[in-house]
Amino acid sequence: MKTKVDMKSGNDCLTREEKDLLKAEIRGAWSEFPLEMKRYIYETKKQKLQVLYMIQDWAKNNGHQVIVDLISRRIAHKEEKLKKIKEEVGE
């Protein structure tokens, strides 16, 4: 498996294909994750969503319409994913 090297930090970075493979593997193993781990993931995803809302608000107030348009779509996608996780973890 080939890795890219981040020239700034010297760390190995995953290629796009490796990132996609990792996501697929995690989705496949999701049902095996302990409930506490799923709850932690849910909480961190909620925090990330809050950050997206903050960026959206900033972009609206500072005239960055492209950011508003793109991040709005990302927020909608994240909200849908969070809804599914919330049902599963019983929050």
C-alpha atoms as a PDB file:
ATOM      1  CA  MET A   1       0.000   0.000   0.000  1.00  0.00           C
ATOM      2  CA  LYS A   2       1.420   3.358  -1.032  1.00  0.00           C
ATOM      3  CA  THR A   3       1.332   6.317   1.372  1.00  0.00           C
ATOM      4  CA  LYS A   4       1.861   9.991   0.746  1.00  0.00           C
ATOM      5  CA  VAL A   5       4.277  11.868   2.927  1.00  0.00           C
ATOM      6  CA  ASP A   6       3.188  15.247   4.229  1.00  0.00           C
ATOM      7  CA  MET A   7       6.213  17.362   3.398  1.00  0.00           C
ATOM      8  CA  LYS A   8       5.410  19.868   6.163  1.00  0.00           C
ATOM      9  CA  SER A   9       5.173  17.467   9.076  1.00  0.00           C
ATOM     10  CA  GLY A  10       6.889  14.342   7.781  1.00  0.00           C
ATOM     11  CA  ASN A  11       3.833  12.239   8.716  1.00  0.00           C
ATOM     12  CA  ASP A  12       2.438   9.585   6.438  1.00  0.00           C
ATOM     13  CA  CYS A  13      -0.934  10.600   5.018  1.00  0.00           C
ATOM     14  CA  LEU A  14      -3.565   8.306   3.613  1.00  0.00           C
ATOM     15  CA  THR A  15      -4.365   8.525  -0.055  1.00  0.00           C
ATOM     16  CA  ARG A  16      -7.966   9.228  -1.119  1.00  0.00           C
ATOM     17  CA  GLU A  17      -8.384   5.516  -1.871  1.00  0.00           C
ATOM     18  CA  GLU A  18      -7.065   4.548   1.565  1.00  0.00           C
ATOM     19  CA  LYS A  19      -9.389   7.040   3.254  1.00  0.00           C
ATOM     20  CA  ASP A  20     -12.344   5.572   1.358  1.00  0.00           C
ATOM     21  CA  LEU A  21     -11.265   2.050   2.319  1.00  0.00           C
ATOM     22  CA  LEU A  22     -10.935   3.046   5.975  1.00  0.00           C
ATOM     23  CA  LYS A  23     -14.428   4.568   5.975  1.00  0.00           C
ATOM     24  CA  ALA A  24     -15.864   1.441   4.378  1.00  0.00           C
ATOM     25  CA  GLU A  25     -14.121  -0.800   6.926  1.00  0.00           C
ATOM     26  CA  ILE A  26     -15.390   1.309   9.840  1.00  0.00           C
ATOM     27  CA  ARG A  27     -18.946   1.241   8.466  1.00  0.00           C
ATOM     28  CA  GLY A  28     -18.676  -2.530   8.126  1.00  0.00           C
ATOM     29  CA  ALA A  29     -17.496  -2.935  11.711  1.00  0.00           C
ATOM     30  CA  TRP A  30     -19.875  -0.326  13.197  1.00  0.00           C
ATOM     31  CA  SER A  31     -22.278  -2.906  14.636  1.00  0.00           C
ATOM     32  CA  GLU A  32     -19.390  -4.427  16.605  1.00  0.00           C
ATOM     33  CA  PHE A  33     -18.402  -1.148  18.293  1.00  0.00           C
ATOM     34  CA  PRO A  34     -19.224  -0.942  22.021  1.00  0.00           C
ATOM     35  CA  LEU A  35     -22.146   1.339  22.877  1.00  0.00           C
ATOM     36  CA  GLU A  36     -19.917   3.708  24.867  1.00  0.00           C
ATOM     37  CA  MET A  37     -17.654   4.194  21.847  1.00  0.00           C
ATOM     38  CA  LYS A  38     -20.673   4.894  19.638  1.00  0.00           C
ATOM     39  CA  ARG A  39     -21.923   7.452  22.172  1.00  0.00           C
ATOM     40  CA  TYR A  40     -18.530   9.148  22.237  1.00  0.00           C
ATOM     41  CA  ILE A  41     -18.463   9.283  18.439  1.00  0.00           C
ATOM     42  CA  TYR A  42     -21.991  10.729  18.484  1.00  0.00           C
ATOM     43  CA  GLU A  43     -20.959  13.475  20.928  1.00  0.00           C
ATOM     44  CA  THR A  44     -17.885  14.422  18.920  1.00  0.00           C
ATOM     45  CA  LYS A  45     -19.932  14.557  15.716  1.00  0.00           C
ATOM     46  CA  LYS A  46     -22.390  16.899  17.466  1.00  0.00           C
ATOM     47  CA  GLN A  47     -19.477  19.165  18.385  1.00  0.00           C
ATOM     48  CA  LYS A  48     -18.209  19.135  14.815  1.00  0.00           C
ATOM     49  CA  LEU A  49     -21.691  20.091  13.622  1.00  0.00           C
ATOM     50  CA  GLN A  50     -21.634  23.058  16.009  1.00  0.00           C
ATOM     51  CA  VAL A  51     -18.354  24.183  14.446  1.00  0.00           C
ATOM     52  CA  LEU A  52     -19.932  23.981  10.991  1.00  0.00           C
ATOM     53  CA  TYR A  53     -22.790  26.191  12.212  1.00  0.00           C
ATOM     54  CA  MET A  54     -20.254  28.685  13.562  1.00  0.00           C
ATOM     55  CA  ILE A  55     -18.434  28.786  10.226  1.00  0.00           C
ATOM     56  CA  GLN A  56     -21.750  29.166   8.392  1.00  0.00           C
ATOM     57  CA  ASP A  57     -22.747  32.080  10.606  1.00  0.00           C
ATOM     58  CA  TRP A  58     -19.376  33.758  10.152  1.00  0.00           C
ATOM     59  CA  ALA A  59     -19.552  33.310   6.377  1.00  0.00           C
ATOM     60  CA  LYS A  60     -23.075  34.794   6.256  1.00  0.00           C
ATOM     61  CA  ASN A  61     -21.963  37.818   8.249  1.00  0.00           C
ATOM     62  CA  ASN A  62     -18.815  38.370   6.198  1.00  0.00           C
ATOM     63  CA  GLY A  63     -20.110  37.949   2.656  1.00  0.00           C
ATOM     64  CA  HIS A  64     -18.689  34.529   1.786  1.00  0.00           C
ATOM     65  CA  GLN A  65     -21.635  33.109  -0.128  1.00  0.00           C
ATOM     66  CA  VAL A  66     -19.768  30.155  -1.638  1.00  0.00           C
ATOM     67  CA  ILE A  67     -18.861  28.965   1.868  1.00  0.00           C
ATOM     68  CA  VAL A  68     -22.482  29.438   2.981  1.00  0.00           C
ATOM     69  CA  ASP A  69     -23.805  27.445   0.036  1.00  0.00           C
ATOM     70  CA  LEU A  70     -21.368  24.557   0.410  1.00  0.00           C
ATOM     71  CA  ILE A  71     -21.397  24.339   4.190  1.00  0.00           C
ATOM     72  CA  SER A  72     -25.204  24.396   4.247  1.00  0.00           C
ATOM     73  CA  ARG A  73     -25.215  21.216   2.188  1.00  0.00           C
ATOM     74  CA  ARG A  74     -22.582  19.666   4.440  1.00  0.00           C
ATOM     75  CA  ILE A  75     -24.613  20.579   7.537  1.00  0.00           C
ATOM     76  CA  ALA A  76     -27.724  18.936   6.104  1.00  0.00           C
ATOM     77  CA  HIS A  77     -25.729  15.780   5.383  1.00  0.00           C
ATOM     78  CA  LYS A  78     -24.172  15.734   8.876  1.00  0.00           C
ATOM     79  CA  GLU A  79     -27.563  16.282  10.530  1.00  0.00           C
ATOM     80  CA  GLU A  80     -28.972  13.264   8.705  1.00  0.00           C
ATOM     81  CA  LYS A  81     -26.034  11.084   9.764  1.00  0.00           C
ATOM     82  CA  LEU A  82     -26.348  12.290  13.359  1.00  0.00           C
ATOM     83  CA  LYS A  83     -30.044  11.473  13.369  1.00  0.00           C
ATOM     84  CA  LYS A  84     -29.282   7.863  12.454  1.00  0.00           C
ATOM     85  CA  ILE A  85     -26.571   7.525  15.095  1.00  0.00           C
ATOM     86  CA  LYS A  86     -28.813   9.140  17.717  1.00  0.00           C
ATOM     87  CA  GLU A  87     -31.494   6.517  17.135  1.00  0.00           C
ATOM     88  CA  GLU A  88     -28.928   3.754  17.459  1.00  0.00           C
ATOM     89  CA  VAL A  89     -27.302   4.966  20.683  1.00  0.00           C
ATOM     90  CA  GLY A  90     -30.590   5.897  22.309  1.00  0.00           C
ATOM     91  CA  GLU A  91     -29.835   9.562  22.947  1.00  0.00           C
END
